Amino acid sequence: MTGRCIIVGDVMLDVSTSIDTEIALASDTPARIALLPGGAASNTSTWMASAGHEVTLIGCVGDDAFGSHAREVLLSAGVDARLSNGVRATGACVVLVDRHHERTMFPDPGANLELTAEQVTSVLEPDSHLHMSGYTMMNEPTRPAALAAIHRAREIGATVSVDPASSAPLLRHRVMMLQACQSVDVLLLNEAEAIVLSGASTVTEALTDLCRRVTTVVIKRGAQGVLAGQGESRIQAPARETTVVDSTGAGDAFTAGFLPVWRSGDTLAAAVDAGQVMAAAAVSRVGASPLPP
C-alpha cells in the first residue's frame, strides 16, 4: 500500500453476548459474555496492522480504565493510535450474537463524540489514504470533523474511502452521505446500506446507481459474497467457505484486507479477494478484531 492509512472513527468496548436459544423476554436467557476490543475504526485498524500495513487510528476515548486498555491493545497490534482523552467515558457497545450467528448492536458512543477536526487534518499527507467510519459522519457532534477531514484530504490529493457503517442511522442522514460521496474514491457498504443510500429496490440497481457517484463501490453481502463495480465494470465474488462463529466486525475486516490491495494499484478483483480472506478470518472467531480480550 502506498503511504499510511489514516483511519478515523470509533474506539469501543464491546460487551459481546452470545446465545444459543431464543431470547426469553422479561426472563433469563443463558449467555456467554466477553469484554472485547471494538469500534469500526479500531477493528479495521487492528486487522490492517495485523497484516503488516502502516496504520494510524484517530479517535477519542475516556480517561478511564477501558480507555487505557484500548491504547494498550492497539499498541500491541502495531497501530499508531492517536487517541485523545475525552470528558465522557470510553464508548461501549452491547453486541448480541444470536443462535444464527447474526449480531445486533446497542452502542453508546461516549467519548467518541468528542473527536475534533484538528486531530485528523494535522496528520493527513498527500500520499496518505483517509478511511472514514460512517458513525463519525452521522453523529452530529463529530460530523464537522469528518467532513473537514474529507475536504482536507481532497485538497492535498490524498485518497478517501467511506464505510457508512449502519443502515438505520444512514436512513436519517442519506442526503448528507450522498453529498459527501462526491469527494470519495471508494465506498464500502453492506447490502442494506447500499439500498438505503441509493434508494434502489435491488442490490444490482443500487450498485449501478452508486457507481455513477463514486469511482469504486463495494457491496458486502455476507454469505452471498461481494458485488463491486468501477465505472461500467462489475465483479461478483462468492463468499469464502468458513465456519461462522460471530459475524461482528466482518465488514471492518473486509475493508482492512481490501484497501491496501486497492491502494497498490492491483485489480479490483484482487482487492475484493483480499478483503474476502480477511472477512473469513473475522467470522471464524468471537469478537470484531484479531486482538485478545
C-alpha atoms as a PDB file:
ATOM      1  CA  MET A   1       0.000   0.000   0.000  1.00  0.00           C
ATOM      2  CA  THR A   2       1.342   3.418  -0.932  1.00  0.00           C
ATOM      3  CA  GLY A   3       1.507   5.752   2.068  1.00  0.00           C
ATOM      4  CA  ARG A   4      -0.001   5.392   5.506  1.00  0.00           C
ATOM      5  CA  CYS A   5      -3.693   4.662   6.019  1.00  0.00           C
ATOM      6  CA  ILE A   6      -5.368   7.147   8.361  1.00  0.00           C
ATOM      7  CA  ILE A   7      -8.479   5.565   9.865  1.00  0.00           C
ATOM      8  CA  VAL A   8     -10.964   7.785  11.676  1.00  0.00           C
ATOM      9  CA  GLY A   9     -13.800   6.651  13.890  1.00  0.00           C
ATOM     10  CA  ASP A  10     -14.970   4.764  16.915  1.00  0.00           C
ATOM     11  CA  VAL A  11     -12.927   3.038  19.584  1.00  0.00           C
ATOM     12  CA  MET A  12     -15.294   0.988  21.731  1.00  0.00           C
ATOM     13  CA  LEU A  13     -15.501  -1.642  24.394  1.00  0.00           C
ATOM     14  CA  ASP A  14     -17.693  -4.467  23.082  1.00  0.00           C
ATOM     15  CA  VAL A  15     -19.773  -6.406  25.589  1.00  0.00           C
ATOM     16  CA  SER A  16     -20.167  -9.483  23.406  1.00  0.00           C
ATOM     17  CA  THR A  17     -23.200 -11.561  24.394  1.00  0.00           C
ATOM     18  CA  SER A  18     -23.706 -14.866  22.580  1.00  0.00           C
ATOM     19  CA  ILE A  19     -26.807 -17.029  22.970  1.00  0.00           C
ATOM     20  CA  ASP A  20     -27.821 -20.435  21.580  1.00  0.00           C
ATOM     21  CA  THR A  21     -31.569 -20.211  22.168  1.00  0.00           C
ATOM     22  CA  GLU A  22     -34.430 -17.845  21.585  1.00  0.00           C
ATOM     23  CA  ILE A  23     -34.486 -14.849  23.942  1.00  0.00           C
ATOM     24  CA  ALA A  24     -36.747 -15.402  26.934  1.00  0.00           C
ATOM     25  CA  LEU A  25     -38.172 -11.888  27.077  1.00  0.00           C
ATOM     26  CA  ALA A  26     -38.692 -10.488  30.596  1.00  0.00           C
ATOM     27  CA  SER A  27     -36.850 -13.518  31.985  1.00  0.00           C
ATOM     28  CA  ASP A  28     -33.391 -15.154  31.835  1.00  0.00           C
ATOM     29  CA  THR A  29     -31.574 -16.409  28.747  1.00  0.00           C
ATOM     30  CA  PRO A  30     -28.272 -18.297  29.241  1.00  0.00           C
ATOM     31  CA  ALA A  31     -25.407 -16.486  27.516  1.00  0.00           C
ATOM     32  CA  ARG A  32     -21.656 -16.324  27.067  1.00  0.00           C
ATOM     33  CA  ILE A  33     -20.344 -12.816  27.761  1.00  0.00           C
ATOM     34  CA  ALA A  34     -16.923 -11.377  26.953  1.00  0.00           C
ATOM     35  CA  LEU A  35     -15.403  -7.895  27.093  1.00  0.00           C
ATOM     36  CA  LEU A  36     -13.619  -7.345  23.775  1.00  0.00           C
ATOM     37  CA  PRO A  37     -11.955  -4.530  21.801  1.00  0.00           C
ATOM     38  CA  GLY A  38     -14.430  -2.978  19.367  1.00  0.00           C
ATOM     39  CA  GLY A  39     -15.459   0.026  17.295  1.00  0.00           C
ATOM     40  CA  ALA A  40     -15.466   0.085  13.494  1.00  0.00           C
ATOM     41  CA  ALA A  41     -12.315   2.188  13.153  1.00  0.00           C
ATOM     42  CA  SER A  42     -10.448   0.210  15.800  1.00  0.00           C
ATOM     43  CA  ASN A  43     -11.450  -3.087  14.198  1.00  0.00           C
ATOM     44  CA  THR A  44     -10.280  -2.069  10.725  1.00  0.00           C
ATOM     45  CA  SER A  45      -7.043  -0.638  12.116  1.00  0.00           C
ATOM     46  CA  THR A  46      -6.096  -3.773  14.011  1.00  0.00           C
ATOM     47  CA  TRP A  47      -6.918  -6.150  11.173  1.00  0.00           C
ATOM     48  CA  MET A  48      -4.884  -3.988   8.782  1.00  0.00           C
ATOM     49  CA  ALA A  49      -1.938  -3.699  11.168  1.00  0.00           C
ATOM     50  CA  SER A  50      -2.048  -7.469  11.754  1.00  0.00           C
ATOM     51  CA  ALA A  51      -1.258  -7.873   8.052  1.00  0.00           C
ATOM     52  CA  GLY A  52       1.807  -5.655   8.382  1.00  0.00           C
ATOM     53  CA  HIS A  53       0.484  -2.366   6.985  1.00  0.00           C
ATOM     54  CA  GLU A  54       1.167   1.105   8.415  1.00  0.00           C
ATOM     55  CA  VAL A  55      -1.976   2.389  10.111  1.00  0.00           C
ATOM     56  CA  THR A  56      -2.770   5.477  12.148  1.00  0.00           C
ATOM     57  CA  LEU A  57      -6.026   5.460  14.100  1.00  0.00           C
ATOM     58  CA  ILE A  58      -7.555   8.799  15.062  1.00  0.00           C
ATOM     59  CA  GLY A  59     -10.137   8.622  17.834  1.00  0.00           C
ATOM     60  CA  CYS A  60     -11.145   9.610  21.325  1.00  0.00           C
ATOM     61  CA  VAL A  61     -11.517   7.552  24.500  1.00  0.00           C
ATOM     62  CA  GLY A  62     -12.405   8.305  28.084  1.00  0.00           C
ATOM     63  CA  ASP A  63      -9.838   8.976  30.783  1.00  0.00           C
ATOM     64  CA  ASP A  64     -10.678   5.623  32.363  1.00  0.00           C
ATOM     65  CA  ALA A  65      -9.532   2.025  32.617  1.00  0.00           C
ATOM     66  CA  PHE A  66     -11.240   0.980  29.384  1.00  0.00           C
ATOM     67  CA  GLY A  67      -9.584   3.854  27.510  1.00  0.00           C
ATOM     68  CA  SER A  68      -6.172   2.847  28.864  1.00  0.00           C
ATOM     69  CA  HIS A  69      -6.808  -0.749  27.869  1.00  0.00           C
ATOM     70  CA  ALA A  70      -7.776   0.333  24.346  1.00  0.00           C
ATOM     71  CA  ARG A  71      -4.468   2.174  23.986  1.00  0.00           C
ATOM     72  CA  GLU A  72      -2.535  -0.861  25.184  1.00  0.00           C
ATOM     73  CA  VAL A  73      -4.151  -3.381  22.871  1.00  0.00           C
ATOM     74  CA  LEU A  74      -3.894  -1.092  19.837  1.00  0.00           C
ATOM     75  CA  LEU A  75      -0.211  -0.526  20.548  1.00  0.00           C
ATOM     76  CA  SER A  76       0.317  -4.274  20.899  1.00  0.00           C
ATOM     77  CA  ALA A  77      -1.281  -4.755  17.482  1.00  0.00           C
ATOM     78  CA  GLY A  78       1.120  -2.292  15.863  1.00  0.00           C
ATOM     79  CA  VAL A  79      -1.404   0.517  15.378  1.00  0.00           C
ATOM     80  CA  ASP A  80      -0.216   4.116  15.683  1.00  0.00           C
ATOM     81  CA  ALA A  81      -3.121   5.122  17.926  1.00  0.00           C
ATOM     82  CA  ARG A  82      -3.601   8.895  18.198  1.00  0.00           C
ATOM     83  CA  LEU A  83      -6.308   8.834  20.861  1.00  0.00           C
ATOM     84  CA  SER A  84      -7.298  11.953  22.768  1.00  0.00           C
ATOM     85  CA  ASN A  85      -8.914  11.777  26.206  1.00  0.00           C
ATOM     86  CA  GLY A  86     -12.495  12.969  26.292  1.00  0.00           C
ATOM     87  CA  VAL A  87     -14.662  14.116  29.174  1.00  0.00           C
ATOM     88  CA  ARG A  88     -17.126  11.286  28.539  1.00  0.00           C
ATOM     89  CA  ALA A  89     -16.457   7.646  29.329  1.00  0.00           C
ATOM     90  CA  THR A  90     -14.946   5.346  26.697  1.00  0.00           C
ATOM     91  CA  GLY A  91     -17.596   4.260  24.215  1.00  0.00           C
ATOM     92  CA  ALA A  92     -19.238   0.888  24.748  1.00  0.00           C
ATOM     93  CA  CYS A  93     -21.459  -1.400  22.732  1.00  0.00           C
ATOM     94  CA  VAL A  94     -23.561  -4.380  23.748  1.00  0.00           C
ATOM     95  CA  VAL A  95     -23.289  -6.871  20.870  1.00  0.00           C
ATOM     96  CA  LEU A  96     -25.923  -9.594  20.872  1.00  0.00           C
ATOM     97  CA  VAL A  97     -24.911 -12.586  18.743  1.00  0.00           C
ATOM     98  CA  ASP A  98     -27.927 -14.852  18.242  1.00  0.00           C
ATOM     99  CA  ARG A  99     -28.096 -18.595  17.564  1.00  0.00           C
ATOM    100  CA  HIS A 100     -27.857 -17.892  13.801  1.00  0.00           C
ATOM    101  CA  HIS A 101     -24.545 -16.048  14.394  1.00  0.00           C
ATOM    102  CA  GLU A 102     -26.067 -12.697  13.382  1.00  0.00           C
ATOM    103  CA  ARG A 103     -25.319  -9.680  15.532  1.00  0.00           C
ATOM    104  CA  THR A 104     -27.480  -6.833  16.819  1.00  0.00           C
ATOM    105  CA  MET A 105     -25.729  -3.862  18.428  1.00  0.00           C
ATOM    106  CA  PHE A 106     -26.654  -1.369  21.135  1.00  0.00           C
ATOM    107  CA  PRO A 107     -23.959   1.336  21.001  1.00  0.00           C
ATOM    108  CA  ASP A 108     -23.224   4.196  23.384  1.00  0.00           C
ATOM    109  CA  PRO A 109     -20.544   6.293  21.605  1.00  0.00           C
ATOM    110  CA  GLY A 110     -19.341   8.029  24.765  1.00  0.00           C
ATOM    111  CA  ALA A 111     -16.056   9.864  24.249  1.00  0.00           C
ATOM    112  CA  ASN A 112     -16.122   9.132  20.505  1.00  0.00           C
ATOM    113  CA  LEU A 113     -18.449  12.130  20.223  1.00  0.00           C
ATOM    114  CA  GLU A 114     -15.580  14.438  21.215  1.00  0.00           C
ATOM    115  CA  LEU A 115     -13.383  13.894  18.150  1.00  0.00           C
ATOM    116  CA  THR A 116     -12.118  17.177  16.636  1.00  0.00           C
ATOM    117  CA  ALA A 117     -11.176  18.158  13.095  1.00  0.00           C
ATOM    118  CA  GLU A 118      -7.651  19.152  14.144  1.00  0.00           C
ATOM    119  CA  GLN A 119      -6.937  15.601  15.306  1.00  0.00           C
ATOM    120  CA  VAL A 120      -7.434  14.355  11.752  1.00  0.00           C
ATOM    121  CA  THR A 121      -6.317  17.175   9.467  1.00  0.00           C
ATOM    122  CA  SER A 122      -2.976  17.561  11.253  1.00  0.00           C
ATOM    123  CA  VAL A 123      -1.816  14.054  10.266  1.00  0.00           C
ATOM    124  CA  LEU A 124      -3.030  13.917   6.655  1.00  0.00           C
ATOM    125  CA  GLU A 125      -0.366  13.928   3.931  1.00  0.00           C
ATOM    126  CA  PRO A 126      -0.668  13.834   0.112  1.00  0.00           C
ATOM    127  CA  ASP A 127       0.415  10.174  -0.123  1.00  0.00           C
ATOM    128  CA  SER A 128      -1.829   9.004   2.725  1.00  0.00           C
ATOM    129  CA  HIS A 129      -5.250   7.413   2.490  1.00  0.00           C
ATOM    130  CA  LEU A 130      -8.152   8.555   4.668  1.00  0.00           C
ATOM    131  CA  HIS A 131     -10.721   5.952   5.677  1.00  0.00           C
ATOM    132  CA  MET A 132     -13.768   7.369   7.434  1.00  0.00           C
ATOM    133  CA  SER A 133     -16.284   5.441   9.503  1.00  0.00           C
ATOM    134  CA  GLY A 134     -19.863   6.450   8.806  1.00  0.00           C
ATOM    135  CA  TYR A 135     -20.616   6.742  12.515  1.00  0.00           C
ATOM    136  CA  THR A 136     -18.263   9.725  12.705  1.00  0.00           C
ATOM    137  CA  MET A 137     -20.086  11.325   9.782  1.00  0.00           C
ATOM    138  CA  MET A 138     -23.602  10.628  11.059  1.00  0.00           C
ATOM    139  CA  ASN A 139     -23.120  11.577  14.715  1.00  0.00           C
ATOM    140  CA  GLU A 140     -23.904  15.287  14.819  1.00  0.00           C
ATOM    141  CA  PRO A 141     -21.106  16.290  17.263  1.00  0.00           C
ATOM    142  CA  THR A 142     -18.376  14.746  15.083  1.00  0.00           C
ATOM    143  CA  ARG A 143     -19.820  15.455  11.629  1.00  0.00           C
ATOM    144  CA  PRO A 144     -17.912  18.746  11.203  1.00  0.00           C
ATOM    145  CA  ALA A 145     -14.638  16.949  11.968  1.00  0.00           C
ATOM    146  CA  ALA A 146     -15.410  14.154   9.500  1.00  0.00           C
ATOM    147  CA  LEU A 147     -16.377  16.470   6.661  1.00  0.00           C
ATOM    148  CA  ALA A 148     -13.401  18.763   7.326  1.00  0.00           C
ATOM    149  CA  ALA A 149     -11.077  15.765   7.156  1.00  0.00           C
ATOM    150  CA  ILE A 150     -12.540  14.611   3.833  1.00  0.00           C
ATOM    151  CA  HIS A 151     -12.268  18.146   2.433  1.00  0.00           C
ATOM    152  CA  ARG A 152      -8.644  18.439   3.556  1.00  0.00           C
ATOM    153  CA  ALA A 153      -7.766  15.043   2.087  1.00  0.00           C
ATOM    154  CA  ARG A 154      -9.134  16.063  -1.305  1.00  0.00           C
ATOM    155  CA  GLU A 155      -7.394  19.428  -1.061  1.00  0.00           C
ATOM    156  CA  ILE A 156      -3.942  17.856  -0.663  1.00  0.00           C
ATOM    157  CA  GLY A 157      -4.524  14.963  -3.065  1.00  0.00           C
ATOM    158  CA  ALA A 158      -4.953  12.108  -0.594  1.00  0.00           C
ATOM    159  CA  THR A 159      -7.399   9.340  -1.458  1.00  0.00           C
ATOM    160  CA  VAL A 160     -10.579   8.765   0.557  1.00  0.00           C
ATOM    161  CA  SER A 161     -12.822   5.828   1.395  1.00  0.00           C
ATOM    162  CA  VAL A 162     -16.017   5.706   3.458  1.00  0.00           C
ATOM    163  CA  ASP A 163     -17.984   2.913   5.110  1.00  0.00           C
ATOM    164  CA  PRO A 164     -21.477   4.176   6.090  1.00  0.00           C
ATOM    165  CA  ALA A 165     -21.432   1.630   8.934  1.00  0.00           C
ATOM    166  CA  SER A 166     -25.151   1.098   9.661  1.00  0.00           C
ATOM    167  CA  SER A 167     -28.392   1.265   7.686  1.00  0.00           C
ATOM    168  CA  ALA A 168     -30.676   2.630  10.432  1.00  0.00           C
ATOM    169  CA  PRO A 169     -28.828   5.930  11.028  1.00  0.00           C
ATOM    170  CA  LEU A 170     -27.995   6.125   7.319  1.00  0.00           C
ATOM    171  CA  LEU A 171     -31.703   6.369   6.562  1.00  0.00           C
ATOM    172  CA  ARG A 172     -31.803   9.580   8.610  1.00  0.00           C
ATOM    173  CA  HIS A 173     -28.652  11.040   7.076  1.00  0.00           C
ATOM    174  CA  ARG A 174     -28.930   9.861   3.465  1.00  0.00           C
ATOM    175  CA  VAL A 175     -28.732  13.313   1.842  1.00  0.00           C
ATOM    176  CA  MET A 176     -25.606  14.289   3.763  1.00  0.00           C
ATOM    177  CA  MET A 177     -23.914  10.996   2.900  1.00  0.00           C
ATOM    178  CA  LEU A 178     -24.750  11.312  -0.804  1.00  0.00           C
ATOM    179  CA  GLN A 179     -23.236  14.792  -0.835  1.00  0.00           C
ATOM    180  CA  ALA A 180     -20.112  13.549   0.924  1.00  0.00           C
ATOM    181  CA  CYS A 181     -19.774  10.728  -1.616  1.00  0.00           C
ATOM    182  CA  GLN A 182     -18.926  13.320  -4.257  1.00  0.00           C
ATOM    183  CA  SER A 183     -15.478  13.549  -2.624  1.00  0.00           C
ATOM    184  CA  VAL A 184     -14.923   9.814  -2.099  1.00  0.00           C
ATOM    185  CA  ASP A 185     -12.811   7.375  -4.144  1.00  0.00           C
ATOM    186  CA  VAL A 186     -14.090   4.141  -2.575  1.00  0.00           C
ATOM    187  CA  LEU A 187     -17.445   3.393  -0.983  1.00  0.00           C
ATOM    188  CA  LEU A 188     -17.640   0.186   1.054  1.00  0.00           C
ATOM    189  CA  LEU A 189     -21.067  -0.777   2.393  1.00  0.00           C
ATOM    190  CA  ASN A 190     -23.356  -3.716   3.026  1.00  0.00           C
ATOM    191  CA  GLU A 191     -26.471  -4.592   1.046  1.00  0.00           C
ATOM    192  CA  ALA A 192     -28.935  -2.850   3.373  1.00  0.00           C
ATOM    193  CA  GLU A 193     -26.839   0.315   3.391  1.00  0.00           C
ATOM    194  CA  ALA A 194     -26.490   0.259  -0.404  1.00  0.00           C
ATOM    195  CA  ILE A 195     -30.261   0.078  -0.886  1.00  0.00           C
ATOM    196  CA  VAL A 196     -30.902   2.828   1.669  1.00  0.00           C
ATOM    197  CA  LEU A 197     -28.247   5.145   0.223  1.00  0.00           C
ATOM    198  CA  SER A 198     -29.196   4.630  -3.424  1.00  0.00           C
ATOM    199  CA  GLY A 199     -32.951   4.442  -2.932  1.00  0.00           C
ATOM    200  CA  ALA A 200     -32.971   1.419  -5.258  1.00  0.00           C
ATOM    201  CA  SER A 201     -35.157  -1.641  -4.797  1.00  0.00           C
ATOM    202  CA  THR A 202     -32.480  -4.271  -5.545  1.00  0.00           C
ATOM    203  CA  VAL A 203     -28.786  -4.592  -4.805  1.00  0.00           C
ATOM    204  CA  THR A 204     -27.954  -4.672  -8.533  1.00  0.00           C
ATOM    205  CA  GLU A 205     -29.787  -1.406  -9.098  1.00  0.00           C
ATOM    206  CA  ALA A 206     -28.084   0.037  -6.029  1.00  0.00           C
ATOM    207  CA  LEU A 207     -24.650  -0.814  -7.396  1.00  0.00           C
ATOM    208  CA  THR A 208     -25.470   0.787 -10.746  1.00  0.00           C
ATOM    209  CA  ASP A 209     -26.679   3.980  -9.079  1.00  0.00           C
ATOM    210  CA  LEU A 210     -23.758   4.266  -6.680  1.00  0.00           C
ATOM    211  CA  CYS A 211     -21.194   3.610  -9.423  1.00  0.00           C
ATOM    212  CA  ARG A 212     -22.450   6.799 -11.099  1.00  0.00           C
ATOM    213  CA  ARG A 213     -21.483   8.704  -7.949  1.00  0.00           C
ATOM    214  CA  VAL A 214     -18.287   7.014  -6.728  1.00  0.00           C
ATOM    215  CA  THR A 215     -15.376   5.605  -8.735  1.00  0.00           C
ATOM    216  CA  THR A 216     -15.189   2.310  -6.828  1.00  0.00           C
ATOM    217  CA  VAL A 217     -18.144   0.744  -4.991  1.00  0.00           C
ATOM    218  CA  VAL A 218     -18.031  -2.465  -2.969  1.00  0.00           C
ATOM    219  CA  ILE A 219     -21.194  -4.058  -1.563  1.00  0.00           C
ATOM    220  CA  LYS A 220     -20.593  -6.696   1.118  1.00  0.00           C
ATOM    221  CA  ARG A 221     -23.349  -9.327   1.249  1.00  0.00           C
ATOM    222  CA  GLY A 222     -22.203 -11.743   3.940  1.00  0.00           C
ATOM    223  CA  ALA A 223     -22.792 -15.351   2.917  1.00  0.00           C
ATOM    224  CA  GLN A 224     -23.787 -14.177  -0.575  1.00  0.00           C
ATOM    225  CA  GLY A 225     -20.355 -12.741  -1.226  1.00  0.00           C
ATOM    226  CA  VAL A 226     -19.482  -9.378  -2.740  1.00  0.00           C
ATOM    227  CA  LEU A 227     -20.683  -7.196  -5.594  1.00  0.00           C
ATOM    228  CA  ALA A 228     -18.277  -4.500  -6.751  1.00  0.00           C
ATOM    229  CA  GLY A 229     -18.032  -2.014  -9.561  1.00  0.00           C
ATOM    230  CA  GLN A 230     -15.751   0.529 -11.191  1.00  0.00           C
ATOM    231  CA  GLY A 231     -17.479   2.544 -13.877  1.00  0.00           C
ATOM    232  CA  GLU A 232     -19.185   0.009 -16.149  1.00  0.00           C
ATOM    233  CA  SER A 233     -17.109  -2.918 -14.886  1.00  0.00           C
ATOM    234  CA  ARG A 234     -18.753  -5.340 -12.428  1.00  0.00           C
ATOM    235  CA  ILE A 235     -17.447  -8.139 -10.194  1.00  0.00           C
ATOM    236  CA  GLN A 236     -19.434 -10.773  -8.340  1.00  0.00           C
ATOM    237  CA  ALA A 237     -17.400 -12.842  -5.901  1.00  0.00           C
ATOM    238  CA  PRO A 238     -18.785 -15.662  -3.745  1.00  0.00           C
ATOM    239  CA  ALA A 239     -18.087 -15.745  -0.018  1.00  0.00           C
ATOM    240  CA  ARG A 240     -15.212 -17.930   1.096  1.00  0.00           C
ATOM    241  CA  GLU A 241     -16.171 -21.142   2.825  1.00  0.00           C
ATOM    242  CA  THR A 242     -15.571 -20.965   6.558  1.00  0.00           C
ATOM    243  CA  THR A 243     -17.193 -21.887   9.851  1.00  0.00           C
ATOM    244  CA  VAL A 244     -19.129 -18.840  11.014  1.00  0.00           C
ATOM    245  CA  VAL A 245     -18.877 -18.215  14.748  1.00  0.00           C
ATOM    246  CA  ASP A 246     -19.587 -14.490  15.004  1.00  0.00           C
ATOM    247  CA  SER A 247     -20.310 -12.033  12.165  1.00  0.00           C
ATOM    248  CA  THR A 248     -19.373  -8.989  14.265  1.00  0.00           C
ATOM    249  CA  GLY A 249     -16.728  -6.900  12.512  1.00  0.00           C
ATOM    250  CA  ALA A 250     -16.672  -8.907   9.290  1.00  0.00           C
ATOM    251  CA  GLY A 251     -17.179  -5.782   7.194  1.00  0.00           C
ATOM    252  CA  ASP A 252     -14.425  -3.953   9.078  1.00  0.00           C
ATOM    253  CA  ALA A 253     -12.039  -6.842   8.431  1.00  0.00           C
ATOM    254  CA  PHE A 254     -13.008  -6.881   4.744  1.00  0.00           C
ATOM    255  CA  THR A 255     -12.088  -3.205   4.491  1.00  0.00           C
ATOM    256  CA  ALA A 256      -8.731  -3.902   6.137  1.00  0.00           C
ATOM    257  CA  GLY A 257      -7.945  -6.531   3.514  1.00  0.00           C
ATOM    258  CA  PHE A 258      -9.361  -4.608   0.560  1.00  0.00           C
ATOM    259  CA  LEU A 259      -7.834  -1.145   0.932  1.00  0.00           C
ATOM    260  CA  PRO A 260      -4.103  -1.988   0.865  1.00  0.00           C
ATOM    261  CA  VAL A 261      -4.505  -4.005  -2.337  1.00  0.00           C
ATOM    262  CA  TRP A 262      -6.699  -1.345  -3.946  1.00  0.00           C
ATOM    263  CA  ARG A 263      -4.157   1.324  -2.992  1.00  0.00           C
ATOM    264  CA  SER A 264      -1.338  -0.715  -4.519  1.00  0.00           C
ATOM    265  CA  GLY A 265      -2.933  -0.348  -7.960  1.00  0.00           C
ATOM    266  CA  ASP A 266      -3.819  -4.028  -8.301  1.00  0.00           C
ATOM    267  CA  THR A 267      -7.108  -5.101  -9.869  1.00  0.00           C
ATOM    268  CA  LEU A 268     -10.500  -4.696  -8.233  1.00  0.00           C
ATOM    269  CA  ALA A 269     -10.858  -8.481  -8.259  1.00  0.00           C
ATOM    270  CA  ALA A 270      -7.596  -8.890  -6.350  1.00  0.00           C
ATOM    271  CA  ALA A 271      -8.651  -6.286  -3.784  1.00  0.00           C
ATOM    272  CA  VAL A 272     -12.034  -7.967  -3.283  1.00  0.00           C
ATOM    273  CA  ASP A 273     -10.344 -11.348  -2.841  1.00  0.00           C
ATOM    274  CA  ALA A 274      -8.005  -9.923  -0.187  1.00  0.00           C
ATOM    275  CA  GLY A 275     -10.997  -8.466   1.611  1.00  0.00           C
ATOM    276  CA  GLN A 276     -12.803 -11.802   1.499  1.00  0.00           C
ATOM    277  CA  VAL A 277      -9.825 -13.603   3.022  1.00  0.00           C
ATOM    278  CA  MET A 278      -9.730 -11.261   5.999  1.00  0.00           C
ATOM    279  CA  ALA A 279     -13.518 -11.263   6.452  1.00  0.00           C
ATOM    280  CA  ALA A 280     -13.496 -15.069   6.542  1.00  0.00           C
ATOM    281  CA  ALA A 281     -10.874 -14.953   9.282  1.00  0.00           C
ATOM    282  CA  ALA A 282     -13.006 -12.492  11.238  1.00  0.00           C
ATOM    283  CA  VAL A 283     -16.236 -14.505  11.223  1.00  0.00           C
ATOM    284  CA  SER A 284     -14.441 -17.663  12.334  1.00  0.00           C
ATOM    285  CA  ARG A 285     -13.701 -16.208  15.787  1.00  0.00           C
ATOM    286  CA  VAL A 286     -15.564 -14.448  18.597  1.00  0.00           C
ATOM    287  CA  GLY A 287     -15.257 -10.681  18.568  1.00  0.00           C
ATOM    288  CA  ALA A 288     -14.690  -7.985  15.964  1.00  0.00           C
ATOM    289  CA  SER A 289     -10.899  -7.751  15.887  1.00  0.00           C
ATOM    290  CA  PRO A 290      -7.860 -10.056  15.902  1.00  0.00           C
ATOM    291  CA  LEU A 291      -6.951  -8.747  19.360  1.00  0.00           C
ATOM    292  CA  PRO A 292      -7.302 -10.821  22.530  1.00  0.00           C
ATOM    293  CA  PRO A 293      -9.799  -9.696  25.207  1.00  0.00           C
END
